[in-house]
PDB file of N, CA and C in Angstrom:
ATOM      1  N   UNK A   1     -22.026 236.435 137.616  1.00  0.00           N
ATOM      2  CA  UNK A   1     -20.809 235.703 137.878  1.00  0.00           C
ATOM      3  C   UNK A   1     -20.010 235.575 136.581  1.00  0.00           C
ATOM      4  N   UNK A   2     -18.707 235.775 136.712  1.00  0.00           N
ATOM      5  CA  UNK A   2     -17.812 235.792 135.556  1.00  0.00           C
ATOM      6  C   UNK A   2     -16.820 234.635 135.660  1.00  0.00           C
ATOM      7  N   UNK A   3     -16.795 233.779 134.631  1.00  0.00           N
ATOM      8  CA  UNK A   3     -15.988 232.558 134.649  1.00  0.00           C
ATOM      9  C   UNK A   3     -14.984 232.573 133.493  1.00  0.00           C
ATOM     10  N   UNK A   4     -13.741 232.226 133.813  1.00  0.00           N
ATOM     11  CA  UNK A   4     -12.699 232.068 132.798  1.00  0.00           C
ATOM     12  C   UNK A   4     -12.558 230.583 132.482  1.00  0.00           C
ATOM     13  N   UNK A   5     -12.628 230.250 131.202  1.00  0.00           N
ATOM     14  CA  UNK A   5     -12.430 228.880 130.743  1.00  0.00           C
ATOM     15  C   UNK A   5     -11.086 228.817 130.021  1.00  0.00           C
ATOM     16  N   UNK A   6     -10.167 228.033 130.570  1.00  0.00           N
ATOM     17  CA  UNK A   6      -8.865 227.838 129.931  1.00  0.00           C
ATOM     18  C   UNK A   6      -8.856 226.396 129.423  1.00  0.00           C
ATOM     19  N   UNK A   7      -9.106 226.240 128.140  1.00  0.00           N
ATOM     20  CA  UNK A   7      -9.320 224.928 127.518  1.00  0.00           C
ATOM     21  C   UNK A   7      -8.874 225.011 126.062  1.00  0.00           C
ATOM     22  N   UNK A   8      -7.975 224.124 125.646  1.00  0.00           N
ATOM     23  CA  UNK A   8      -7.464 224.181 124.279  1.00  0.00           C
ATOM     24  C   UNK A   8      -8.378 223.511 123.259  1.00  0.00           C
ATOM     25  N   UNK A   9      -9.318 222.705 123.687  1.00  0.00           N
ATOM     26  CA  UNK A   9     -10.277 222.102 122.763  1.00  0.00           C
ATOM     27  C   UNK A   9     -11.394 223.105 122.519  1.00  0.00           C
ATOM     28  N   UNK A  10     -11.302 223.814 121.381  1.00  0.00           N
ATOM     29  CA  UNK A  10     -12.222 224.911 121.108  1.00  0.00           C
ATOM     30  C   UNK A  10     -13.685 224.468 121.137  1.00  0.00           C
ATOM     31  N   UNK A  11     -13.968 223.307 120.570  1.00  0.00           N
ATOM     32  CA  UNK A  11     -15.361 222.829 120.535  1.00  0.00           C
ATOM     33  C   UNK A  11     -15.899 222.630 121.961  1.00  0.00           C
ATOM     34  N   UNK A  12     -15.105 222.012 122.835  1.00  0.00           N
ATOM     35  CA  UNK A  12     -15.514 221.817 124.225  1.00  0.00           C
ATOM     36  C   UNK A  12     -15.670 223.158 124.933  1.00  0.00           C
ATOM     37  N   UNK A  13     -14.741 224.062 124.699  1.00  0.00           N
ATOM     38  CA  UNK A  13     -14.815 225.392 125.297  1.00  0.00           C
ATOM     39  C   UNK A  13     -16.095 226.111 124.867  1.00  0.00           C
ATOM     40  N   UNK A  14     -16.412 226.032 123.574  1.00  0.00           N
ATOM     41  CA  UNK A  14     -17.627 226.673 123.060  1.00  0.00           C
ATOM     42  C   UNK A  14     -18.886 226.077 123.686  1.00  0.00           C
ATOM     43  N   UNK A  15     -18.913 224.755 123.845  1.00  0.00           N
ATOM     44  CA  UNK A  15     -20.067 224.096 124.469  1.00  0.00           C
ATOM     45  C   UNK A  15     -20.225 224.557 125.916  1.00  0.00           C
ATOM     46  N   UNK A  16     -19.102 224.600 126.661  1.00  0.00           N
ATOM     47  CA  UNK A  16     -19.175 225.068 128.051  1.00  0.00           C
ATOM     48  C   UNK A  16     -19.662 226.507 128.114  1.00  0.00           C
ATOM     49  N   UNK A  17     -19.188 227.351 127.210  1.00  0.00           N
ATOM     50  CA  UNK A  17     -19.632 228.751 127.170  1.00  0.00           C
ATOM     51  C   UNK A  17     -21.139 228.843 126.948  1.00  0.00           C
ATOM     52  N   UNK A  18     -21.642 228.063 126.003  1.00  0.00           N
ATOM     53  CA  UNK A  18     -23.077 228.085 125.708  1.00  0.00           C
ATOM     54  C   UNK A  18     -23.896 227.680 126.931  1.00  0.00           C
ATOM     55  N   UNK A  19     -23.493 226.595 127.577  1.00  0.00           N
ATOM     56  CA  UNK A  19     -24.229 226.142 128.758  1.00  0.00           C
ATOM     57  C   UNK A  19     -24.135 227.150 129.893  1.00  0.00           C
ATOM     58  N   UNK A  20     -22.955 227.693 130.114  1.00  0.00           N
ATOM     59  CA  UNK A  20     -22.796 228.672 131.193  1.00  0.00           C
ATOM     60  C   UNK A  20     -23.621 229.924 130.925  1.00  0.00           C
ATOM     61  N   UNK A  21     -23.631 230.384 129.681  1.00  0.00           N
ATOM     62  CA  UNK A  21     -24.426 231.562 129.336  1.00  0.00           C
ATOM     63  C   UNK A  21     -25.913 231.286 129.497  1.00  0.00           C
ATOM     64  N   UNK A  22     -26.343 230.046 129.217  1.00  0.00           N
ATOM     65  CA  UNK A  22     -27.755 229.700 129.404  1.00  0.00           C
ATOM     66  C   UNK A  22     -28.148 229.731 130.881  1.00  0.00           C
ATOM     67  N   UNK A  23     -27.158 229.608 131.760  1.00  0.00           N
ATOM     68  CA  UNK A  23     -27.387 229.684 133.210  1.00  0.00           C
ATOM     69  C   UNK A  23     -27.071 231.084 133.758  1.00  0.00           C
ATOM     70  N   UNK A  24     -26.896 232.043 132.851  1.00  0.00           N
ATOM     71  CA  UNK A  24     -26.671 233.449 133.176  1.00  0.00           C
ATOM     72  C   UNK A  24     -25.276 233.763 133.754  1.00  0.00           C
ATOM     73  N   UNK A  25     -24.293 232.967 133.402  1.00  0.00           N
ATOM     74  CA  UNK A  25     -22.906 233.271 133.729  1.00  0.00           C
ATOM     75  C   UNK A  25     -22.291 233.971 132.522  1.00  0.00           C
ATOM     76  N   UNK A  26     -21.378 234.897 132.770  1.00  0.00           N
ATOM     77  CA  UNK A  26     -20.601 235.460 131.664  1.00  0.00           C
ATOM     78  C   UNK A  26     -19.269 234.718 131.613  1.00  0.00           C
ATOM     79  N   UNK A  27     -18.695 234.621 130.415  1.00  0.00           N
ATOM     80  CA  UNK A  27     -17.482 233.817 130.257  1.00  0.00           C
ATOM     81  C   UNK A  27     -16.428 234.547 129.433  1.00  0.00           C
ATOM     82  N   UNK A  28     -15.190 234.231 129.714  1.00  0.00           N
ATOM     83  CA  UNK A  28     -14.042 234.543 128.869  1.00  0.00           C
ATOM     84  C   UNK A  28     -13.374 233.218 128.582  1.00  0.00           C
ATOM     85  N   UNK A  29     -12.658 233.143 127.464  1.00  0.00           N
ATOM     86  CA  UNK A  29     -11.971 231.905 127.120  1.00  0.00           C
ATOM     87  C   UNK A  29     -10.514 232.174 126.766  1.00  0.00           C
ATOM     88  N   UNK A  30      -9.712 231.163 126.969  1.00  0.00           N
ATOM     89  CA  UNK A  30      -8.324 231.152 126.521  1.00  0.00           C
ATOM     90  C   UNK A  30      -8.037 229.743 126.028  1.00  0.00           C
ATOM     91  N   UNK A  31      -7.331 229.648 124.906  1.00  0.00           N
ATOM     92  CA  UNK A  31      -7.068 228.347 124.295  1.00  0.00           C
ATOM     93  C   UNK A  31      -5.643 227.851 124.531  1.00  0.00           C
ATOM     94  N   UNK A  32      -4.840 228.624 125.274  1.00  0.00           N
ATOM     95  CA  UNK A  32      -3.526 228.136 125.685  1.00  0.00           C
ATOM     96  C   UNK A  32      -3.222 228.676 127.080  1.00  0.00           C
ATOM     97  N   UNK A  33      -2.243 228.042 127.725  1.00  0.00           N
ATOM     98  CA  UNK A  33      -1.948 228.364 129.109  1.00  0.00           C
ATOM     99  C   UNK A  33      -1.416 229.771 129.342  1.00  0.00           C
ATOM    100  N   UNK A  34      -0.592 230.270 128.432  1.00  0.00           N
ATOM    101  CA  UNK A  34      -0.033 231.611 128.624  1.00  0.00           C
ATOM    102  C   UNK A  34      -1.112 232.685 128.578  1.00  0.00           C
ATOM    103  N   UNK A  35      -1.987 232.602 127.605  1.00  0.00           N
ATOM    104  CA  UNK A  35      -3.073 233.584 127.504  1.00  0.00           C
ATOM    105  C   UNK A  35      -4.019 233.444 128.690  1.00  0.00           C
ATOM    106  N   UNK A  36      -4.314 232.206 129.083  1.00  0.00           N
ATOM    107  CA  UNK A  36      -5.182 231.987 130.239  1.00  0.00           C
ATOM    108  C   UNK A  36      -4.607 232.594 131.509  1.00  0.00           C
ATOM    109  N   UNK A  37      -3.319 232.385 131.745  1.00  0.00           N
ATOM    110  CA  UNK A  37      -2.676 232.944 132.926  1.00  0.00           C
ATOM    111  C   UNK A  37      -2.698 234.470 132.892  1.00  0.00           C
ATOM    112  N   UNK A  38      -2.426 235.035 131.734  1.00  0.00           N
ATOM    113  CA  UNK A  38      -2.455 236.494 131.587  1.00  0.00           C
ATOM    114  C   UNK A  38      -3.846 237.058 131.898  1.00  0.00           C
ATOM    115  N   UNK A  39      -4.883 236.410 131.374  1.00  0.00           N
ATOM    116  CA  UNK A  39      -6.252 236.866 131.651  1.00  0.00           C
ATOM    117  C   UNK A  39      -6.580 236.741 133.134  1.00  0.00           C
ATOM    118  N   UNK A  40      -6.141 235.648 133.759  1.00  0.00           N
ATOM    119  CA  UNK A  40      -6.413 235.445 135.189  1.00  0.00           C
ATOM    120  C   UNK A  40      -5.716 236.506 136.041  1.00  0.00           C
ATOM    121  N   UNK A  41      -4.551 236.963 135.625  1.00  0.00           N
ATOM    122  CA  UNK A  41      -3.846 238.019 136.362  1.00  0.00           C
ATOM    123  C   UNK A  41      -4.497 239.379 136.173  1.00  0.00           C
ATOM    124  N   UNK A  42      -4.972 239.654 134.951  1.00  0.00           N
ATOM    125  CA  UNK A  42      -5.450 241.002 134.611  1.00  0.00           C
ATOM    126  C   UNK A  42      -6.906 241.259 134.956  1.00  0.00           C
ATOM    127  N   UNK A  43      -7.713 240.208 135.023  1.00  0.00           N
ATOM    128  CA  UNK A  43      -9.160 240.382 135.194  1.00  0.00           C
ATOM    129  C   UNK A  43      -9.633 239.716 136.478  1.00  0.00           C
ATOM    130  N   UNK A  44     -10.779 240.154 136.953  1.00  0.00           N
ATOM    131  CA  UNK A  44     -11.380 239.551 138.143  1.00  0.00           C
ATOM    132  C   UNK A  44     -12.415 238.525 137.691  1.00  0.00           C
ATOM    133  N   UNK A  45     -12.225 237.294 138.138  1.00  0.00           N
ATOM    134  CA  UNK A  45     -13.162 236.211 137.827  1.00  0.00           C
ATOM    135  C   UNK A  45     -13.686 235.626 139.126  1.00  0.00           C
ATOM    136  N   UNK A  46     -14.897 235.093 139.059  1.00  0.00           N
ATOM    137  CA  UNK A  46     -15.472 234.406 140.207  1.00  0.00           C
ATOM    138  C   UNK A  46     -15.023 232.951 140.263  1.00  0.00           C
ATOM    139  N   UNK A  47     -14.590 232.412 139.099  1.00  0.00           N
ATOM    140  CA  UNK A  47     -14.216 231.002 138.996  1.00  0.00           C
ATOM    141  C   UNK A  47     -13.386 230.807 137.738  1.00  0.00           C
ATOM    142  N   UNK A  48     -12.464 229.837 137.797  1.00  0.00           N
ATOM    143  CA  UNK A  48     -11.692 229.448 136.622  1.00  0.00           C
ATOM    144  C   UNK A  48     -11.887 227.956 136.384  1.00  0.00           C
ATOM    145  N   UNK A  49     -12.268 227.594 135.142  1.00  0.00           N
ATOM    146  CA  UNK A  49     -12.304 226.199 134.704  1.00  0.00           C
ATOM    147  C   UNK A  49     -11.004 225.972 133.942  1.00  0.00           C
ATOM    148  N   UNK A  50     -10.194 225.036 134.405  1.00  0.00           N
ATOM    149  CA  UNK A  50      -8.824 224.911 133.929  1.00  0.00           C
ATOM    150  C   UNK A  50      -8.494 223.495 133.474  1.00  0.00           C
ATOM    151  N   UNK A  51      -8.130 223.364 132.202  1.00  0.00           N
ATOM    152  CA  UNK A  51      -7.612 222.101 131.687  1.00  0.00           C
ATOM    153  C   UNK A  51      -6.159 221.977 132.154  1.00  0.00           C
ATOM    154  N   UNK A  52      -5.638 220.767 132.205  1.00  0.00           N
ATOM    155  CA  UNK A  52      -4.234 220.591 132.582  1.00  0.00           C
ATOM    156  C   UNK A  52      -3.338 220.572 131.344  1.00  0.00           C
ATOM    157  N   UNK A  53      -3.707 219.760 130.368  1.00  0.00           N
ATOM    158  CA  UNK A  53      -2.846 219.598 129.184  1.00  0.00           C
ATOM    159  C   UNK A  53      -3.152 220.711 128.187  1.00  0.00           C
ATOM    160  N   UNK A  54      -2.368 221.782 128.277  1.00  0.00           N
ATOM    161  CA  UNK A  54      -2.556 222.967 127.450  1.00  0.00           C
ATOM    162  C   UNK A  54      -1.272 223.286 126.693  1.00  0.00           C
ATOM    163  N   UNK A  55      -1.393 223.924 125.535  1.00  0.00           N
ATOM    164  CA  UNK A  55      -0.190 224.408 124.874  1.00  0.00           C
ATOM    165  C   UNK A  55       0.431 225.566 125.668  1.00  0.00           C
ATOM    166  N   UNK A  56       1.718 225.708 125.576  1.00  0.00           N
ATOM    167  CA  UNK A  56       2.518 226.815 126.109  1.00  0.00           C
ATOM    168  C   UNK A  56       2.722 226.795 127.618  1.00  0.00           C
ATOM    169  N   UNK A  57       1.738 226.413 128.402  1.00  0.00           N
ATOM    170  CA  UNK A  57       1.889 226.334 129.858  1.00  0.00           C
ATOM    171  C   UNK A  57       0.787 225.425 130.382  1.00  0.00           C
ATOM    172  N   UNK A  58       1.174 224.388 131.139  1.00  0.00           N
ATOM    173  CA  UNK A  58       0.151 223.444 131.589  1.00  0.00           C
ATOM    174  C   UNK A  58      -0.639 223.979 132.791  1.00  0.00           C
ATOM    175  N   UNK A  59      -1.791 223.360 132.995  1.00  0.00           N
ATOM    176  CA  UNK A  59      -2.708 223.808 134.034  1.00  0.00           C
ATOM    177  C   UNK A  59      -2.158 223.718 135.445  1.00  0.00           C
ATOM    178  N   UNK A  60      -1.309 222.729 135.714  1.00  0.00           N
ATOM    179  CA  UNK A  60      -0.712 222.622 137.054  1.00  0.00           C
ATOM    180  C   UNK A  60       0.156 223.842 137.344  1.00  0.00           C
ATOM    181  N   UNK A  61       0.947 224.264 136.346  1.00  0.00           N
ATOM    182  CA  UNK A  61       1.801 225.447 136.523  1.00  0.00           C
ATOM    183  C   UNK A  61       0.955 226.712 136.688  1.00  0.00           C
ATOM    184  N   UNK A  62      -0.120 226.798 135.928  1.00  0.00           N
ATOM    185  CA  UNK A  62      -1.009 227.955 136.045  1.00  0.00           C
ATOM    186  C   UNK A  62      -1.573 228.035 137.459  1.00  0.00           C
ATOM    187  N   UNK A  63      -2.078 226.920 137.958  1.00  0.00           N
ATOM    188  CA  UNK A  63      -2.639 226.868 139.306  1.00  0.00           C
ATOM    189  C   UNK A  63      -1.594 227.295 140.333  1.00  0.00           C
ATOM    190  N   UNK A  64      -0.395 226.754 140.219  1.00  0.00           N
ATOM    191  CA  UNK A  64       0.691 227.078 141.138  1.00  0.00           C
ATOM    192  C   UNK A  64       1.041 228.562 141.075  1.00  0.00           C
ATOM    193  N   UNK A  65       1.186 229.108 139.875  1.00  0.00           N
ATOM    194  CA  UNK A  65       1.559 230.513 139.729  1.00  0.00           C
ATOM    195  C   UNK A  65       0.477 231.451 140.254  1.00  0.00           C
ATOM    196  N   UNK A  66      -0.781 231.116 140.051  1.00  0.00           N
ATOM    197  CA  UNK A  66      -1.866 231.946 140.586  1.00  0.00           C
ATOM    198  C   UNK A  66      -1.822 231.958 142.111  1.00  0.00           C
ATOM    199  N   UNK A  67      -1.612 230.808 142.717  1.00  0.00           N
ATOM    200  CA  UNK A  67      -1.533 230.730 144.178  1.00  0.00           C
ATOM    201  C   UNK A  67      -0.341 231.530 144.691  1.00  0.00           C
ATOM    202  N   UNK A  68       0.807 231.411 144.015  1.00  0.00           N
ATOM    203  CA  UNK A  68       2.000 232.143 144.429  1.00  0.00           C
ATOM    204  C   UNK A  68       1.816 233.652 144.343  1.00  0.00           C
ATOM    205  N   UNK A  69       1.013 234.121 143.384  1.00  0.00           N
ATOM    206  CA  UNK A  69       0.741 235.551 143.230  1.00  0.00           C
ATOM    207  C   UNK A  69      -0.368 236.029 144.169  1.00  0.00           C
ATOM    208  N   UNK A  70      -0.937 235.108 144.945  1.00  0.00           N
ATOM    209  CA  UNK A  70      -1.986 235.481 145.886  1.00  0.00           C
ATOM    210  C   UNK A  70      -3.360 235.624 145.269  1.00  0.00           C
ATOM    211  N   UNK A  71      -3.540 235.127 144.070  1.00  0.00           N
ATOM    212  CA  UNK A  71      -4.855 235.189 143.421  1.00  0.00           C
ATOM    213  C   UNK A  71      -5.688 234.032 143.964  1.00  0.00           C
ATOM    214  N   UNK A  72      -6.790 234.363 144.604  1.00  0.00           N
ATOM    215  CA  UNK A  72      -7.602 233.376 145.321  1.00  0.00           C
ATOM    216  C   UNK A  72      -8.827 232.899 144.540  1.00  0.00           C
ATOM    217  N   UNK A  73      -8.891 233.200 143.256  1.00  0.00           N
ATOM    218  CA  UNK A  73     -10.023 232.768 142.442  1.00  0.00           C
ATOM    219  C   UNK A  73     -10.137 231.243 142.507  1.00  0.00           C
ATOM    220  N   UNK A  74     -11.304 230.719 142.855  1.00  0.00           N
ATOM    221  CA  UNK A  74     -11.470 229.262 142.899  1.00  0.00           C
ATOM    222  C   UNK A  74     -11.242 228.645 141.518  1.00  0.00           C
ATOM    223  N   UNK A  75     -10.607 227.478 141.524  1.00  0.00           N
ATOM    224  CA  UNK A  75     -10.280 226.776 140.282  1.00  0.00           C
ATOM    225  C   UNK A  75     -10.893 225.382 140.310  1.00  0.00           C
ATOM    226  N   UNK A  76     -11.533 225.026 139.194  1.00  0.00           N
ATOM    227  CA  UNK A  76     -11.960 223.652 138.955  1.00  0.00           C
ATOM    228  C   UNK A  76     -11.087 223.126 137.825  1.00  0.00           C
ATOM    229  N   UNK A  77     -10.325 222.091 138.101  1.00  0.00           N
ATOM    230  CA  UNK A  77      -9.554 221.452 137.044  1.00  0.00           C
ATOM    231  C   UNK A  77     -10.472 220.486 136.321  1.00  0.00           C
ATOM    232  N   UNK A  78     -10.459 220.587 135.014  1.00  0.00           N
ATOM    233  CA  UNK A  78     -11.321 219.788 134.152  1.00  0.00           C
ATOM    234  C   UNK A  78     -10.403 219.143 133.116  1.00  0.00           C
ATOM    235  N   UNK A  79     -10.108 217.853 133.281  1.00  0.00           N
ATOM    236  CA  UNK A  79      -9.023 217.257 132.525  1.00  0.00           C
ATOM    237  C   UNK A  79      -9.255 215.782 132.209  1.00  0.00           C
ATOM    238  N   UNK A  80      -8.516 215.288 131.233  1.00  0.00           N
ATOM    239  CA  UNK A  80      -8.561 213.866 130.887  1.00  0.00           C
ATOM    240  C   UNK A  80      -7.618 213.053 131.771  1.00  0.00           C
ATOM    241  N   UNK A  81      -6.749 213.705 132.513  1.00  0.00           N
ATOM    242  CA  UNK A  81      -5.791 212.993 133.366  1.00  0.00           C
ATOM    243  C   UNK A  81      -6.488 212.540 134.642  1.00  0.00           C
ATOM    244  N   UNK A  82      -6.630 211.228 134.771  1.00  0.00           N
ATOM    245  CA  UNK A  82      -7.471 210.662 135.828  1.00  0.00           C
ATOM    246  C   UNK A  82      -6.698 210.006 136.961  1.00  0.00           C
ATOM    247  N   UNK A  83      -5.374 210.079 136.963  1.00  0.00           N
ATOM    248  CA  UNK A  83      -4.624 209.367 138.000  1.00  0.00           C
ATOM    249  C   UNK A  83      -4.798 210.028 139.362  1.00  0.00           C
ATOM    250  N   UNK A  84      -4.695 209.224 140.396  1.00  0.00           N
ATOM    251  CA  UNK A  84      -4.791 209.735 141.766  1.00  0.00           C
ATOM    252  C   UNK A  84      -3.685 210.746 142.029  1.00  0.00           C
ATOM    253  N   UNK A  85      -2.483 210.517 141.470  1.00  0.00           N
ATOM    254  CA  UNK A  85      -1.376 211.455 141.674  1.00  0.00           C
ATOM    255  C   UNK A  85      -1.698 212.826 141.091  1.00  0.00           C
ATOM    256  N   UNK A  86      -2.265 212.849 139.876  1.00  0.00           N
ATOM    257  CA  UNK A  86      -2.625 214.127 139.261  1.00  0.00           C
ATOM    258  C   UNK A  86      -3.700 214.839 140.065  1.00  0.00           C
ATOM    259  N   UNK A  87      -4.706 214.088 140.492  1.00  0.00           N
ATOM    260  CA  UNK A  87      -5.778 214.697 141.273  1.00  0.00           C
ATOM    261  C   UNK A  87      -5.235 215.265 142.581  1.00  0.00           C
ATOM    262  N   UNK A  88      -4.421 214.499 143.282  1.00  0.00           N
ATOM    263  CA  UNK A  88      -3.841 214.980 144.538  1.00  0.00           C
ATOM    264  C   UNK A  88      -2.975 216.217 144.317  1.00  0.00           C
ATOM    265  N   UNK A  89      -2.177 216.213 143.244  1.00  0.00           N
ATOM    266  CA  UNK A  89      -1.333 217.365 142.945  1.00  0.00           C
ATOM    267  C   UNK A  89      -2.183 218.592 142.652  1.00  0.00           C
ATOM    268  N   UNK A  90      -3.218 218.425 141.846  1.00  0.00           N
ATOM    269  CA  UNK A  90      -4.106 219.545 141.522  1.00  0.00           C
ATOM    270  C   UNK A  90      -4.727 220.160 142.772  1.00  0.00           C
ATOM    271  N   UNK A  91      -5.197 219.337 143.669  1.00  0.00           N
ATOM    272  CA  UNK A  91      -5.809 219.824 144.911  1.00  0.00           C
ATOM    273  C   UNK A  91      -4.743 220.491 145.792  1.00  0.00           C
ATOM    274  N   UNK A  92      -3.559 219.880 145.887  1.00  0.00           N
ATOM    275  CA  UNK A  92      -2.476 220.481 146.681  1.00  0.00           C
ATOM    276  C   UNK A  92      -2.046 221.841 146.130  1.00  0.00           C
ATOM    277  N   UNK A  93      -2.113 221.998 144.811  1.00  0.00           N
ATOM    278  CA  UNK A  93      -1.726 223.265 144.195  1.00  0.00           C
ATOM    279  C   UNK A  93      -2.813 224.330 144.327  1.00  0.00           C
ATOM    280  N   UNK A  94      -3.991 223.941 144.833  1.00  0.00           N
ATOM    281  CA  UNK A  94      -5.012 224.949 145.110  1.00  0.00           C
ATOM    282  C   UNK A  94      -6.342 224.780 144.409  1.00  0.00           C
ATOM    283  N   UNK A  95      -6.492 223.781 143.547  1.00  0.00           N
ATOM    284  CA  UNK A  95      -7.787 223.577 142.889  1.00  0.00           C
ATOM    285  C   UNK A  95      -8.835 223.205 143.937  1.00  0.00           C
ATOM    286  N   UNK A  96     -10.038 223.722 143.777  1.00  0.00           N
ATOM    287  CA  UNK A  96     -11.138 223.405 144.700  1.00  0.00           C
ATOM    288  C   UNK A  96     -11.839 222.111 144.313  1.00  0.00           C
ATOM    289  N   UNK A  97     -11.732 221.728 143.025  1.00  0.00           N
ATOM    290  CA  UNK A  97     -12.315 220.476 142.566  1.00  0.00           C
ATOM    291  C   UNK A  97     -11.510 220.002 141.372  1.00  0.00           C
ATOM    292  N   UNK A  98     -11.613 218.710 141.084  1.00  0.00           N
ATOM    293  CA  UNK A  98     -10.861 218.078 140.002  1.00  0.00           C
ATOM    294  C   UNK A  98     -11.817 217.117 139.327  1.00  0.00           C
ATOM    295  N   UNK A  99     -12.262 217.476 138.127  1.00  0.00           N
ATOM    296  CA  UNK A  99     -13.225 216.662 137.395  1.00  0.00           C
ATOM    297  C   UNK A  99     -12.558 216.039 136.178  1.00  0.00           C
ATOM    298  N   UNK A 100     -12.841 214.765 135.951  1.00  0.00           N
ATOM    299  CA  UNK A 100     -12.227 214.033 134.851  1.00  0.00           C
ATOM    300  C   UNK A 100     -13.172 214.005 133.645  1.00  0.00           C
ATOM    301  N   UNK A 101     -12.633 214.372 132.474  1.00  0.00           N
ATOM    302  CA  UNK A 101     -13.398 214.330 131.225  1.00  0.00           C
ATOM    303  C   UNK A 101     -13.544 212.882 130.780  1.00  0.00           C
ATOM    304  N   UNK A 102     -14.626 212.514 130.153  1.00  0.00           N
ATOM    305  CA  UNK A 102     -15.775 213.378 129.911  1.00  0.00           C
ATOM    306  C   UNK A 102     -16.601 213.537 131.182  1.00  0.00           C
ATOM    307  N   UNK A 103     -16.995 214.750 131.441  1.00  0.00           N
ATOM    308  CA  UNK A 103     -17.776 215.052 132.635  1.00  0.00           C
ATOM    309  C   UNK A 103     -19.185 215.438 132.201  1.00  0.00           C
ATOM    310  N   UNK A 104     -20.161 214.982 132.955  1.00  0.00           N
ATOM    311  CA  UNK A 104     -21.540 215.353 132.668  1.00  0.00           C
ATOM    312  C   UNK A 104     -21.780 216.811 133.016  1.00  0.00           C
ATOM    313  N   UNK A 105     -22.618 217.460 132.246  1.00  0.00           N
ATOM    314  CA  UNK A 105     -22.887 218.883 132.468  1.00  0.00           C
ATOM    315  C   UNK A 105     -23.517 219.105 133.847  1.00  0.00           C
ATOM    316  N   UNK A 106     -24.329 218.148 134.314  1.00  0.00           N
ATOM    317  CA  UNK A 106     -24.942 218.313 135.636  1.00  0.00           C
ATOM    318  C   UNK A 106     -23.880 218.236 136.736  1.00  0.00           C
ATOM    319  N   UNK A 107     -22.882 217.371 136.568  1.00  0.00           N
ATOM    320  CA  UNK A 107     -21.795 217.285 137.548  1.00  0.00           C
ATOM    321  C   UNK A 107     -20.970 218.573 137.550  1.00  0.00           C
ATOM    322  N   UNK A 108     -20.697 219.102 136.356  1.00  0.00           N
ATOM    323  CA  UNK A 108     -19.942 220.347 136.252  1.00  0.00           C
ATOM    324  C   UNK A 108     -20.695 221.495 136.926  1.00  0.00           C
ATOM    325  N   UNK A 109     -21.984 221.631 136.634  1.00  0.00           N
ATOM    326  CA  UNK A 109     -22.759 222.715 137.241  1.00  0.00           C
ATOM    327  C   UNK A 109     -22.900 222.544 138.743  1.00  0.00           C
ATOM    328  N   UNK A 110     -23.013 221.322 139.214  1.00  0.00           N
ATOM    329  CA  UNK A 110     -23.078 221.089 140.664  1.00  0.00           C
ATOM    330  C   UNK A 110     -21.795 221.570 141.323  1.00  0.00           C
ATOM    331  N   UNK A 111     -20.657 221.268 140.723  1.00  0.00           N
ATOM    332  CA  UNK A 111     -19.377 221.717 141.268  1.00  0.00           C
ATOM    333  C   UNK A 111     -19.278 223.232 141.242  1.00  0.00           C
ATOM    334  N   UNK A 112     -19.663 223.852 140.125  1.00  0.00           N
ATOM    335  CA  UNK A 112     -19.620 225.315 140.015  1.00  0.00           C
ATOM    336  C   UNK A 112     -20.498 225.951 141.088  1.00  0.00           C
ATOM    337  N   UNK A 113     -21.739 225.488 141.208  1.00  0.00           N
ATOM    338  CA  UNK A 113     -22.653 226.065 142.209  1.00  0.00           C
ATOM    339  C   UNK A 113     -22.111 225.894 143.624  1.00  0.00           C
ATOM    340  N   UNK A 114     -21.585 224.713 143.934  1.00  0.00           N
ATOM    341  CA  UNK A 114     -21.014 224.447 145.252  1.00  0.00           C
ATOM    342  C   UNK A 114     -19.894 225.405 145.582  1.00  0.00           C
ATOM    343  N   UNK A 115     -18.981 225.554 144.670  1.00  0.00           N
ATOM    344  CA  UNK A 115     -17.812 226.410 144.906  1.00  0.00           C
ATOM    345  C   UNK A 115     -18.220 227.875 145.015  1.00  0.00           C
ATOM    346  N   UNK A 116     -19.107 228.323 144.133  1.00  0.00           N
ATOM    347  CA  UNK A 116     -19.535 229.729 144.207  1.00  0.00           C
ATOM    348  C   UNK A 116     -20.342 229.993 145.469  1.00  0.00           C
ATOM    349  N   UNK A 117     -21.106 229.023 145.917  1.00  0.00           N
ATOM    350  CA  UNK A 117     -21.866 229.165 147.176  1.00  0.00           C
ATOM    351  C   UNK A 117     -20.909 229.315 148.349  1.00  0.00           C
ATOM    352  N   UNK A 118     -19.873 228.475 148.405  1.00  0.00           N
ATOM    353  CA  UNK A 118     -18.882 228.559 149.482  1.00  0.00           C
ATOM    354  C   UNK A 118     -18.122 229.877 149.432  1.00  0.00           C
ATOM    355  N   UNK A 119     -17.870 230.361 148.228  1.00  0.00           N
ATOM    356  CA  UNK A 119     -17.140 231.627 148.068  1.00  0.00           C
ATOM    357  C   UNK A 119     -17.927 232.794 148.672  1.00  0.00           C
ATOM    358  N   UNK A 120     -19.244 232.751 148.558  1.00  0.00           N
ATOM    359  CA  UNK A 120     -20.100 233.823 149.093  1.00  0.00           C
ATOM    360  C   UNK A 120     -20.148 233.814 150.609  1.00  0.00           C
ATOM    361  N   UNK A 121     -19.956 232.632 151.215  1.00  0.00           N
ATOM    362  CA  UNK A 121     -20.091 232.500 152.671  1.00  0.00           C
ATOM    363  C   UNK A 121     -18.940 233.135 153.409  1.00  0.00           C
TER     364      UNK A 121
END
């Protein structure tokens, strides 16, 4: 399984990569929204972990643009924005889950496994 992490906090991105690789996932990373969107368009991923507050292009716009282009890769929004409005908007724009930082690694992996399991069905 191949996962794209779009996260501007390099240390957090590196930690997620390490944990995902320990679970036998392969990863790509992008540290800003424009590069993340470009990678999502050009490559095939099984899942995208997407921050909202990113340089150059925010995660909500990325989610919206991917849906408009017909890219059906499941998205988990992983963000510090905890308001009900943000969560509802993220889900309406196509995210399969919306997790608020700081998130426990077990919660993140449970969400990833759930979404990838549903994708296979």
